[in-house]
C-alpha atoms as a PDB file:
ATOM      1  CA  UNK A   1      80.599 111.909 124.414  1.00  0.00           C
ATOM      2  CA  UNK A   2      78.383 109.478 123.100  1.00  0.00           C
ATOM      3  CA  UNK A   3      74.653 109.061 124.475  1.00  0.00           C
ATOM      4  CA  UNK A   4      73.811 105.315 125.520  1.00  0.00           C
ATOM      5  CA  UNK A   5      71.363 105.000 122.285  1.00  0.00           C
ATOM      6  CA  UNK A   6      74.177 105.929 119.834  1.00  0.00           C
ATOM      7  CA  UNK A   7      76.817 103.708 121.380  1.00  0.00           C
ATOM      8  CA  UNK A   8      74.621 100.746 121.660  1.00  0.00           C
ATOM      9  CA  UNK A   9      73.401 101.037 118.184  1.00  0.00           C
ATOM     10  CA  UNK A  10      76.905 101.109 116.987  1.00  0.00           C
ATOM     11  CA  UNK A  11      77.744  97.983 119.034  1.00  0.00           C
ATOM     12  CA  UNK A  12      74.938  96.060 117.619  1.00  0.00           C
ATOM     13  CA  UNK A  13      75.945  97.307 114.119  1.00  0.00           C
ATOM     14  CA  UNK A  14      79.477  95.949 114.567  1.00  0.00           C
ATOM     15  CA  UNK A  15      78.675  92.770 115.516  1.00  0.00           C
ATOM     16  CA  UNK A  16      76.138  92.222 112.962  1.00  0.00           C
ATOM     17  CA  UNK A  17      78.849  93.207 110.551  1.00  0.00           C
ATOM     18  CA  UNK A  18      81.530  90.638 111.878  1.00  0.00           C
ATOM     19  CA  UNK A  19      79.256  87.601 112.934  1.00  0.00           C
ATOM     20  CA  UNK A  20      79.045  86.304 109.355  1.00  0.00           C
ATOM     21  CA  UNK A  21      82.360  85.523 109.653  1.00  0.00           C
ATOM     22  CA  UNK A  22      82.962  84.605 113.277  1.00  0.00           C
ATOM     23  CA  UNK A  23      79.828  82.565 113.553  1.00  0.00           C
ATOM     24  CA  UNK A  24      80.656  80.118 110.621  1.00  0.00           C
ATOM     25  CA  UNK A  25      84.458  80.183 111.993  1.00  0.00           C
ATOM     26  CA  UNK A  26      82.899  78.665 115.341  1.00  0.00           C
ATOM     27  CA  UNK A  27      80.542  76.330 113.795  1.00  0.00           C
ATOM     28  CA  UNK A  28      83.340  74.795 111.599  1.00  0.00           C
ATOM     29  CA  UNK A  29      85.679  74.549 114.641  1.00  0.00           C
ATOM     30  CA  UNK A  30      82.990  72.708 116.677  1.00  0.00           C
ATOM     31  CA  UNK A  31      82.456  70.009 113.569  1.00  0.00           C
ATOM     32  CA  UNK A  32      86.326  69.434 113.314  1.00  0.00           C
ATOM     33  CA  UNK A  33      86.098  71.315 109.715  1.00  0.00           C
ATOM     34  CA  UNK A  34      88.796  73.531 107.981  1.00  0.00           C
ATOM     35  CA  UNK A  35      88.206  76.362 105.435  1.00  0.00           C
ATOM     36  CA  UNK A  36      91.614  76.803 103.421  1.00  0.00           C
ATOM     37  CA  UNK A  37      90.425  80.273 102.926  1.00  0.00           C
ATOM     38  CA  UNK A  38      88.738  81.852 105.445  1.00  0.00           C
ATOM     39  CA  UNK A  39      90.481  80.052 108.514  1.00  0.00           C
ATOM     40  CA  UNK A  40      93.558  82.230 107.945  1.00  0.00           C
ATOM     41  CA  UNK A  41      91.836  85.175 109.185  1.00  0.00           C
ATOM     42  CA  UNK A  42      91.679  83.817 112.576  1.00  0.00           C
ATOM     43  CA  UNK A  43      94.507  81.570 112.896  1.00  0.00           C
ATOM     44  CA  UNK A  44      97.401  83.104 111.062  1.00  0.00           C
ATOM     45  CA  UNK A  45      96.243  86.330 112.757  1.00  0.00           C
ATOM     46  CA  UNK A  46      95.869  86.070 116.384  1.00  0.00           C
ATOM     47  CA  UNK A  47      92.987  88.345 117.249  1.00  0.00           C
ATOM     48  CA  UNK A  48      90.350  85.805 118.815  1.00  0.00           C
ATOM     49  CA  UNK A  49      86.714  85.882 117.096  1.00  0.00           C
ATOM     50  CA  UNK A  50      85.168  86.694 120.394  1.00  0.00           C
ATOM     51  CA  UNK A  51      87.766  89.887 120.461  1.00  0.00           C
ATOM     52  CA  UNK A  52      86.859  90.994 116.878  1.00  0.00           C
ATOM     53  CA  UNK A  53      82.995  90.682 117.865  1.00  0.00           C
ATOM     54  CA  UNK A  54      83.509  93.151 120.734  1.00  0.00           C
ATOM     55  CA  UNK A  55      83.024  96.541 120.244  1.00  0.00           C
ATOM     56  CA  UNK A  56      84.892  99.491 121.729  1.00  0.00           C
ATOM     57  CA  UNK A  57      84.921 103.346 120.587  1.00  0.00           C
ATOM     58  CA  UNK A  58      88.811 103.888 120.988  1.00  0.00           C
ATOM     59  CA  UNK A  59      90.246 106.553 122.703  1.00  0.00           C
ATOM     60  CA  UNK A  60      89.236 109.946 123.727  1.00  0.00           C
ATOM     61  CA  UNK A  61      85.510 108.917 123.851  1.00  0.00           C
ATOM     62  CA  UNK A  62      83.076 108.828 126.715  1.00  0.00           C
ATOM     63  CA  UNK A  63      80.474 106.504 126.747  1.00  0.00           C
ATOM     64  CA  UNK A  64      77.042 107.668 128.628  1.00  0.00           C
ATOM     65  CA  UNK A  65      74.550 105.796 130.526  1.00  0.00           C
ATOM     66  CA  UNK A  66      74.492 103.330 133.252  1.00  0.00           C
ATOM     67  CA  UNK A  67      74.980 100.304 130.824  1.00  0.00           C
ATOM     68  CA  UNK A  68      78.478 101.898 130.002  1.00  0.00           C
ATOM     69  CA  UNK A  69      79.688 100.688 133.278  1.00  0.00           C
ATOM     70  CA  UNK A  70      79.897  96.893 131.911  1.00  0.00           C
ATOM     71  CA  UNK A  71      83.243  98.301 129.971  1.00  0.00           C
ATOM     72  CA  UNK A  72      84.611  98.833 133.549  1.00  0.00           C
ATOM     73  CA  UNK A  73      85.088  94.935 133.572  1.00  0.00           C
ATOM     74  CA  UNK A  74      87.880  95.537 130.742  1.00  0.00           C
ATOM     75  CA  UNK A  75      91.409  96.543 131.417  1.00  0.00           C
ATOM     76  CA  UNK A  76      92.030 100.164 130.806  1.00  0.00           C
ATOM     77  CA  UNK A  77      88.420 101.647 131.173  1.00  0.00           C
ATOM     78  CA  UNK A  78      87.678 104.248 134.331  1.00  0.00           C
ATOM     79  CA  UNK A  79      84.805 106.380 135.255  1.00  0.00           C
ATOM     80  CA  UNK A  80      85.529 109.834 134.064  1.00  0.00           C
ATOM     81  CA  UNK A  81      83.718 112.955 132.397  1.00  0.00           C
ATOM     82  CA  UNK A  82      80.201 112.081 133.053  1.00  0.00           C
ATOM     83  CA  UNK A  83      80.791 108.366 132.016  1.00  0.00           C
ATOM     84  CA  UNK A  84      83.332 105.619 131.073  1.00  0.00           C
ATOM     85  CA  UNK A  85      86.078 106.005 128.608  1.00  0.00           C
ATOM     86  CA  UNK A  86      89.575 104.274 127.930  1.00  0.00           C
ATOM     87  CA  UNK A  87      92.323 105.634 130.560  1.00  0.00           C
ATOM     88  CA  UNK A  88      94.989 107.534 128.406  1.00  0.00           C
ATOM     89  CA  UNK A  89      97.181 106.339 131.238  1.00  0.00           C
ATOM     90  CA  UNK A  90      96.456 102.704 130.047  1.00  0.00           C
ATOM     91  CA  UNK A  91      98.377 103.439 126.825  1.00  0.00           C
ATOM     92  CA  UNK A  92     101.811 101.889 128.138  1.00  0.00           C
ATOM     93  CA  UNK A  93     105.219 102.184 127.116  1.00  0.00           C
ATOM     94  CA  UNK A  94     104.827  98.840 125.124  1.00  0.00           C
ATOM     95  CA  UNK A  95     101.708  99.998 123.333  1.00  0.00           C
ATOM     96  CA  UNK A  96     103.437 103.273 122.195  1.00  0.00           C
ATOM     97  CA  UNK A  97     106.541 101.232 120.969  1.00  0.00           C
ATOM     98  CA  UNK A  98     103.926  99.034 119.053  1.00  0.00           C
ATOM     99  CA  UNK A  99     102.483 102.452 117.805  1.00  0.00           C
ATOM    100  CA  UNK A 100     105.831 103.819 116.732  1.00  0.00           C
ATOM    101  CA  UNK A 101     106.976 100.593 115.028  1.00  0.00           C
ATOM    102  CA  UNK A 102     103.522 100.394 112.710  1.00  0.00           C
ATOM    103  CA  UNK A 103     103.550 104.097 112.077  1.00  0.00           C
ATOM    104  CA  UNK A 104     107.212 104.139 110.486  1.00  0.00           C
ATOM    105  CA  UNK A 105     105.955 100.880 108.461  1.00  0.00           C
ATOM    106  CA  UNK A 106     102.852 102.344 107.430  1.00  0.00           C
ATOM    107  CA  UNK A 107     104.243 105.852 106.308  1.00  0.00           C
ATOM    108  CA  UNK A 108     106.874 104.203 104.463  1.00  0.00           C
ATOM    109  CA  UNK A 109     104.791 101.585 102.698  1.00  0.00           C
ATOM    110  CA  UNK A 110     102.294 104.634 101.858  1.00  0.00           C
ATOM    111  CA  UNK A 111     105.325 106.590 100.405  1.00  0.00           C
ATOM    112  CA  UNK A 112     105.895 104.037  97.684  1.00  0.00           C
ATOM    113  CA  UNK A 113     103.986 103.270  94.286  1.00  0.00           C
ATOM    114  CA  UNK A 114     102.517  99.985  94.200  1.00  0.00           C
ATOM    115  CA  UNK A 115     104.444  97.184  92.346  1.00  0.00           C
ATOM    116  CA  UNK A 116     102.189  94.870  90.587  1.00  0.00           C
ATOM    117  CA  UNK A 117     104.405  92.166  89.460  1.00  0.00           C
ATOM    118  CA  UNK A 118     104.632  89.479  91.762  1.00  0.00           C
ATOM    119  CA  UNK A 119     101.289  87.519  90.466  1.00  0.00           C
ATOM    120  CA  UNK A 120     100.598  85.881  93.639  1.00  0.00           C
ATOM    121  CA  UNK A 121     103.746  83.433  93.182  1.00  0.00           C
ATOM    122  CA  UNK A 122     104.544  83.213  96.872  1.00  0.00           C
ATOM    123  CA  UNK A 123     101.908  80.511  97.371  1.00  0.00           C
ATOM    124  CA  UNK A 124     103.595  78.341  94.635  1.00  0.00           C
ATOM    125  CA  UNK A 125     106.929  78.890  95.910  1.00  0.00           C
ATOM    126  CA  UNK A 126     105.302  77.475  99.612  1.00  0.00           C
ATOM    127  CA  UNK A 127     104.796  74.074  97.615  1.00  0.00           C
ATOM    128  CA  UNK A 128     107.665  73.988  95.359  1.00  0.00           C
ATOM    129  CA  UNK A 129     109.378  70.595  95.110  1.00  0.00           C
ATOM    130  CA  UNK A 130     107.672  69.984  98.193  1.00  0.00           C
ATOM    131  CA  UNK A 131     106.635  66.247  99.534  1.00  0.00           C
ATOM    132  CA  UNK A 132     102.791  66.043  98.874  1.00  0.00           C
ATOM    133  CA  UNK A 133     102.387  64.938 102.442  1.00  0.00           C
ATOM    134  CA  UNK A 134     104.148  68.371 103.558  1.00  0.00           C
ATOM    135  CA  UNK A 135     102.161  70.654 101.398  1.00  0.00           C
ATOM    136  CA  UNK A 136     100.409  73.312 103.835  1.00  0.00           C
ATOM    137  CA  UNK A 137      96.689  72.490 102.583  1.00  0.00           C
ATOM    138  CA  UNK A 138      97.221  68.993 101.537  1.00  0.00           C
ATOM    139  CA  UNK A 139      93.616  68.312 101.862  1.00  0.00           C
ATOM    140  CA  UNK A 140      93.142  70.213  98.594  1.00  0.00           C
ATOM    141  CA  UNK A 141      94.552  68.930  94.955  1.00  0.00           C
ATOM    142  CA  UNK A 142      97.137  71.239  93.558  1.00  0.00           C
ATOM    143  CA  UNK A 143      95.387  72.558  89.989  1.00  0.00           C
ATOM    144  CA  UNK A 144      98.634  71.348  87.907  1.00  0.00           C
ATOM    145  CA  UNK A 145      99.755  68.724  89.955  1.00  0.00           C
ATOM    146  CA  UNK A 146     103.181  68.843  91.792  1.00  0.00           C
ATOM    147  CA  UNK A 147     105.312  68.869  88.448  1.00  0.00           C
ATOM    148  CA  UNK A 148     103.076  71.358  86.854  1.00  0.00           C
ATOM    149  CA  UNK A 149     103.274  73.877  89.976  1.00  0.00           C
ATOM    150  CA  UNK A 150     107.154  73.506  89.995  1.00  0.00           C
ATOM    151  CA  UNK A 151     107.194  74.085  86.188  1.00  0.00           C
ATOM    152  CA  UNK A 152     105.129  77.493  86.959  1.00  0.00           C
ATOM    153  CA  UNK A 153     107.589  78.555  89.512  1.00  0.00           C
ATOM    154  CA  UNK A 154     110.619  77.706  87.284  1.00  0.00           C
ATOM    155  CA  UNK A 155     109.102  79.805  84.237  1.00  0.00           C
ATOM    156  CA  UNK A 156     108.263  83.060  85.922  1.00  0.00           C
ATOM    157  CA  UNK A 157     110.256  85.240  88.071  1.00  0.00           C
ATOM    158  CA  UNK A 158     109.568  85.223  91.575  1.00  0.00           C
ATOM    159  CA  UNK A 159     109.333  88.478  93.245  1.00  0.00           C
ATOM    160  CA  UNK A 160     108.042  88.581  96.736  1.00  0.00           C
ATOM    161  CA  UNK A 161     109.122  91.090  99.084  1.00  0.00           C
ATOM    162  CA  UNK A 162     106.758  90.587 102.106  1.00  0.00           C
ATOM    163  CA  UNK A 163     108.960  88.828 104.715  1.00  0.00           C
ATOM    164  CA  UNK A 164     105.973  87.080 106.192  1.00  0.00           C
ATOM    165  CA  UNK A 165     105.298  85.190 102.838  1.00  0.00           C
ATOM    166  CA  UNK A 166     108.944  84.551 102.216  1.00  0.00           C
ATOM    167  CA  UNK A 167     109.677  82.975 105.453  1.00  0.00           C
ATOM    168  CA  UNK A 168     107.161  80.204 104.397  1.00  0.00           C
ATOM    169  CA  UNK A 169     108.910  79.531 100.952  1.00  0.00           C
ATOM    170  CA  UNK A 170     110.233  76.133 100.547  1.00  0.00           C
ATOM    171  CA  UNK A 171     114.050  75.972 100.724  1.00  0.00           C
ATOM    172  CA  UNK A 172     114.486  75.270  97.054  1.00  0.00           C
ATOM    173  CA  UNK A 173     112.125  78.205  96.509  1.00  0.00           C
ATOM    174  CA  UNK A 174     114.033  80.619  98.514  1.00  0.00           C
ATOM    175  CA  UNK A 175     117.213  81.159  96.126  1.00  0.00           C
ATOM    176  CA  UNK A 176     114.441  81.640  93.103  1.00  0.00           C
ATOM    177  CA  UNK A 177     113.357  85.093  94.722  1.00  0.00           C
ATOM    178  CA  UNK A 178     114.395  88.208  93.418  1.00  0.00           C
ATOM    179  CA  UNK A 179     114.351  89.886  96.976  1.00  0.00           C
ATOM    180  CA  UNK A 180     115.652  88.146 100.189  1.00  0.00           C
ATOM    181  CA  UNK A 181     113.684  89.938 102.999  1.00  0.00           C
ATOM    182  CA  UNK A 182     114.094  89.859 106.374  1.00  0.00           C
ATOM    183  CA  UNK A 183     112.349  91.182 109.114  1.00  0.00           C
ATOM    184  CA  UNK A 184     114.767  93.998 109.671  1.00  0.00           C
ATOM    185  CA  UNK A 185     114.411  95.094 105.876  1.00  0.00           C
ATOM    186  CA  UNK A 186     110.668  94.826 106.156  1.00  0.00           C
ATOM    187  CA  UNK A 187     110.162  98.726 106.376  1.00  0.00           C
ATOM    188  CA  UNK A 188     112.246  99.420 103.389  1.00  0.00           C
ATOM    189  CA  UNK A 189     110.847  96.575 101.113  1.00  0.00           C
ATOM    190  CA  UNK A 190     107.069  96.967 102.203  1.00  0.00           C
ATOM    191  CA  UNK A 191     104.899  98.034  99.370  1.00  0.00           C
ATOM    192  CA  UNK A 192     101.339  99.169  98.901  1.00  0.00           C
ATOM    193  CA  UNK A 193     100.637  96.708  96.111  1.00  0.00           C
ATOM    194  CA  UNK A 194     101.420  93.839  98.226  1.00  0.00           C
ATOM    195  CA  UNK A 195      98.191  91.721  99.083  1.00  0.00           C
ATOM    196  CA  UNK A 196      99.805  90.701 102.479  1.00  0.00           C
ATOM    197  CA  UNK A 197     100.819  94.212 103.305  1.00  0.00           C
ATOM    198  CA  UNK A 198      97.458  95.271 103.068  1.00  0.00           C
ATOM    199  CA  UNK A 199      96.066  92.372 104.680  1.00  0.00           C
ATOM    200  CA  UNK A 200      98.335  93.255 107.532  1.00  0.00           C
ATOM    201  CA  UNK A 201      96.341  96.611 108.193  1.00  0.00           C
ATOM    202  CA  UNK A 202      94.237  94.202 110.099  1.00  0.00           C
ATOM    203  CA  UNK A 203      97.176  93.053 112.172  1.00  0.00           C
ATOM    204  CA  UNK A 204      98.108  96.743 112.981  1.00  0.00           C
ATOM    205  CA  UNK A 205      94.580  97.728 114.220  1.00  0.00           C
ATOM    206  CA  UNK A 206      94.502  94.370 116.504  1.00  0.00           C
ATOM    207  CA  UNK A 207      98.037  94.921 118.016  1.00  0.00           C
ATOM    208  CA  UNK A 208      96.955  98.353 119.096  1.00  0.00           C
ATOM    209  CA  UNK A 209      93.462  96.882 120.486  1.00  0.00           C
ATOM    210  CA  UNK A 210      91.392  98.269 122.390  1.00  0.00           C
ATOM    211  CA  UNK A 211      93.136 101.916 121.252  1.00  0.00           C
ATOM    212  CA  UNK A 212      91.520 101.379 117.598  1.00  0.00           C
ATOM    213  CA  UNK A 213      87.979 101.944 117.147  1.00  0.00           C
ATOM    214  CA  UNK A 214      86.081  98.688 116.250  1.00  0.00           C
ATOM    215  CA  UNK A 215      84.671 100.319 113.198  1.00  0.00           C
ATOM    216  CA  UNK A 216      88.339 100.703 111.742  1.00  0.00           C
ATOM    217  CA  UNK A 217      89.279  97.091 112.931  1.00  0.00           C
ATOM    218  CA  UNK A 218      86.112  95.617 111.268  1.00  0.00           C
ATOM    219  CA  UNK A 219      86.907  97.840 107.756  1.00  0.00           C
ATOM    220  CA  UNK A 220      90.544  96.401 107.791  1.00  0.00           C
ATOM    221  CA  UNK A 221      89.521  92.663 108.536  1.00  0.00           C
ATOM    222  CA  UNK A 222      86.673  92.765 105.887  1.00  0.00           C
ATOM    223  CA  UNK A 223      89.416  94.121 103.255  1.00  0.00           C
ATOM    224  CA  UNK A 224      91.756  91.504 104.442  1.00  0.00           C
ATOM    225  CA  UNK A 225      88.836  88.779 104.038  1.00  0.00           C
ATOM    226  CA  UNK A 226      88.558  89.711 100.253  1.00  0.00           C
ATOM    227  CA  UNK A 227      92.294  90.012  99.685  1.00  0.00           C
ATOM    228  CA  UNK A 228      92.618  86.379 100.951  1.00  0.00           C
ATOM    229  CA  UNK A 229      90.191  85.389  98.542  1.00  0.00           C
ATOM    230  CA  UNK A 230      92.155  86.215  95.770  1.00  0.00           C
ATOM    231  CA  UNK A 231      95.310  85.221  97.235  1.00  0.00           C
ATOM    232  CA  UNK A 232      94.026  81.642  97.404  1.00  0.00           C
ATOM    233  CA  UNK A 233      92.243  81.914  93.992  1.00  0.00           C
ATOM    234  CA  UNK A 234      95.681  82.706  92.532  1.00  0.00           C
ATOM    235  CA  UNK A 235      97.306  79.885  94.302  1.00  0.00           C
ATOM    236  CA  UNK A 236      98.050  76.286  93.024  1.00  0.00           C
ATOM    237  CA  UNK A 237      95.347  74.744  94.731  1.00  0.00           C
ATOM    238  CA  UNK A 238      92.209  73.755  93.574  1.00  0.00           C
ATOM    239  CA  UNK A 239      89.335  75.582  95.563  1.00  0.00           C
ATOM    240  CA  UNK A 240      86.552  74.692  93.383  1.00  0.00           C
ATOM    241  CA  UNK A 241      84.807  72.661  95.947  1.00  0.00           C
ATOM    242  CA  UNK A 242      84.797  75.714  98.054  1.00  0.00           C
ATOM    243  CA  UNK A 243      83.051  77.465  94.978  1.00  0.00           C
ATOM    244  CA  UNK A 244      86.037  79.607  94.135  1.00  0.00           C
ATOM    245  CA  UNK A 245      87.238  80.174  90.469  1.00  0.00           C
ATOM    246  CA  UNK A 246      90.899  79.840  89.920  1.00  0.00           C
ATOM    247  CA  UNK A 247      92.803  82.960  88.707  1.00  0.00           C
ATOM    248  CA  UNK A 248      95.325  81.061  86.449  1.00  0.00           C
ATOM    249  CA  UNK A 249      98.380  83.254  86.916  1.00  0.00           C
ATOM    250  CA  UNK A 250     100.165  80.615  85.009  1.00  0.00           C
ATOM    251  CA  UNK A 251      98.755  82.327  81.816  1.00  0.00           C
ATOM    252  CA  UNK A 252      98.969  85.853  80.679  1.00  0.00           C
ATOM    253  CA  UNK A 253      95.087  86.496  80.981  1.00  0.00           C
ATOM    254  CA  UNK A 254      95.323  85.486  84.612  1.00  0.00           C
ATOM    255  CA  UNK A 255      98.316  87.661  85.550  1.00  0.00           C
ATOM    256  CA  UNK A 256      96.833  90.590  83.822  1.00  0.00           C
ATOM    257  CA  UNK A 257      93.384  89.835  86.013  1.00  0.00           C
ATOM    258  CA  UNK A 258      95.431  89.435  89.052  1.00  0.00           C
ATOM    259  CA  UNK A 259      97.555  92.830  88.666  1.00  0.00           C
ATOM    260  CA  UNK A 260      93.988  94.512  87.903  1.00  0.00           C
ATOM    261  CA  UNK A 261      92.737  93.098  91.288  1.00  0.00           C
ATOM    262  CA  UNK A 262      95.886  93.609  93.218  1.00  0.00           C
ATOM    263  CA  UNK A 263      95.740  97.476  92.074  1.00  0.00           C
ATOM    264  CA  UNK A 264      92.082  97.670  93.088  1.00  0.00           C
ATOM    265  CA  UNK A 265      92.805  96.489  96.696  1.00  0.00           C
ATOM    266  CA  UNK A 266      96.164  98.878  96.955  1.00  0.00           C
ATOM    267  CA  UNK A 267      93.476 101.734  96.038  1.00  0.00           C
ATOM    268  CA  UNK A 268      90.762 100.261  98.755  1.00  0.00           C
ATOM    269  CA  UNK A 269      93.627  99.757 101.360  1.00  0.00           C
ATOM    270  CA  UNK A 270      95.248 103.637 101.181  1.00  0.00           C
ATOM    271  CA  UNK A 271      92.611 105.549 103.028  1.00  0.00           C
ATOM    272  CA  UNK A 272      92.696 102.539 105.722  1.00  0.00           C
ATOM    273  CA  UNK A 273      96.243 103.054 105.960  1.00  0.00           C
ATOM    274  CA  UNK A 274      95.903 106.872 106.241  1.00  0.00           C
ATOM    275  CA  UNK A 275      93.591 106.244 109.183  1.00  0.00           C
ATOM    276  CA  UNK A 276      96.031 103.923 110.818  1.00  0.00           C
ATOM    277  CA  UNK A 277      98.851 106.575 110.467  1.00  0.00           C
ATOM    278  CA  UNK A 278      96.472 109.314 111.931  1.00  0.00           C
ATOM    279  CA  UNK A 279      95.503 106.833 114.758  1.00  0.00           C
ATOM    280  CA  UNK A 280      98.943 105.950 115.417  1.00  0.00           C
ATOM    281  CA  UNK A 281     100.066 110.011 115.475  1.00  0.00           C
ATOM    282  CA  UNK A 282      97.108 110.243 117.982  1.00  0.00           C
ATOM    283  CA  UNK A 283      97.862 107.686 120.163  1.00  0.00           C
ATOM    284  CA  UNK A 284     101.445 108.786 120.403  1.00  0.00           C
ATOM    285  CA  UNK A 285     100.393 112.435 121.357  1.00  0.00           C
ATOM    286  CA  UNK A 286      99.070 110.713 124.451  1.00  0.00           C
ATOM    287  CA  UNK A 287     102.598 110.071 125.737  1.00  0.00           C
ATOM    288  CA  UNK A 288     103.429 113.500 125.572  1.00  0.00           C
END
């Protein structure tokens, strides 16, 4: 049971936390501007900014006070226990299926040691031997030009095991990858050193919305923002116009920096993954 003073304070704190990202994104959209780093968090990931700003306590928490009645306008909330809470019956079979999928994926990922030898080459493989007009972020120059970018891909072993990165590789880049991941093999290949696997903790949160506390969603979103910055700084693009220093993975020093930061993100993601595993376990217990 949360009294009105407690839960409204948490609601305000959550909104203050995420609006430094949601507000500028809305402003950019109104002006027709693109941001090659941060727009990813709102376009590749399908959780609307308004939903990210929306606070919820997750299941098993009763919100007290008259103001809590406004939650009744949201799907799945009911009056009970002297306040308002998420109805356990709203955790449908479809949501349970989603929770089982992520529970298995997260547990298998957590069981493995981080691999730190990919060096962010997935972004390079997405533009390998591609016509300049087809490059995903063609508003940005390539730091080494098209030929220089291709040379990097050809000089290093590409070791991407994350399907949702691999599926964007150009056709000539796919055979160069040491692994050939598919959606079916994702649980067997996902590993905790992968930047995208750690960004996807955010996806697991919002796919289970509203049955994940807003604070956990925000924790995973904030980690995804920091990871995305490294992801793009290590890419072939020149982001100096956006104030980002490149991580030059084409050099030994750049690869060492990338692996160091990759390991730190794996360390930061581990407790968030554990919290999501515990949340999925709890949610599935509602179906017993």
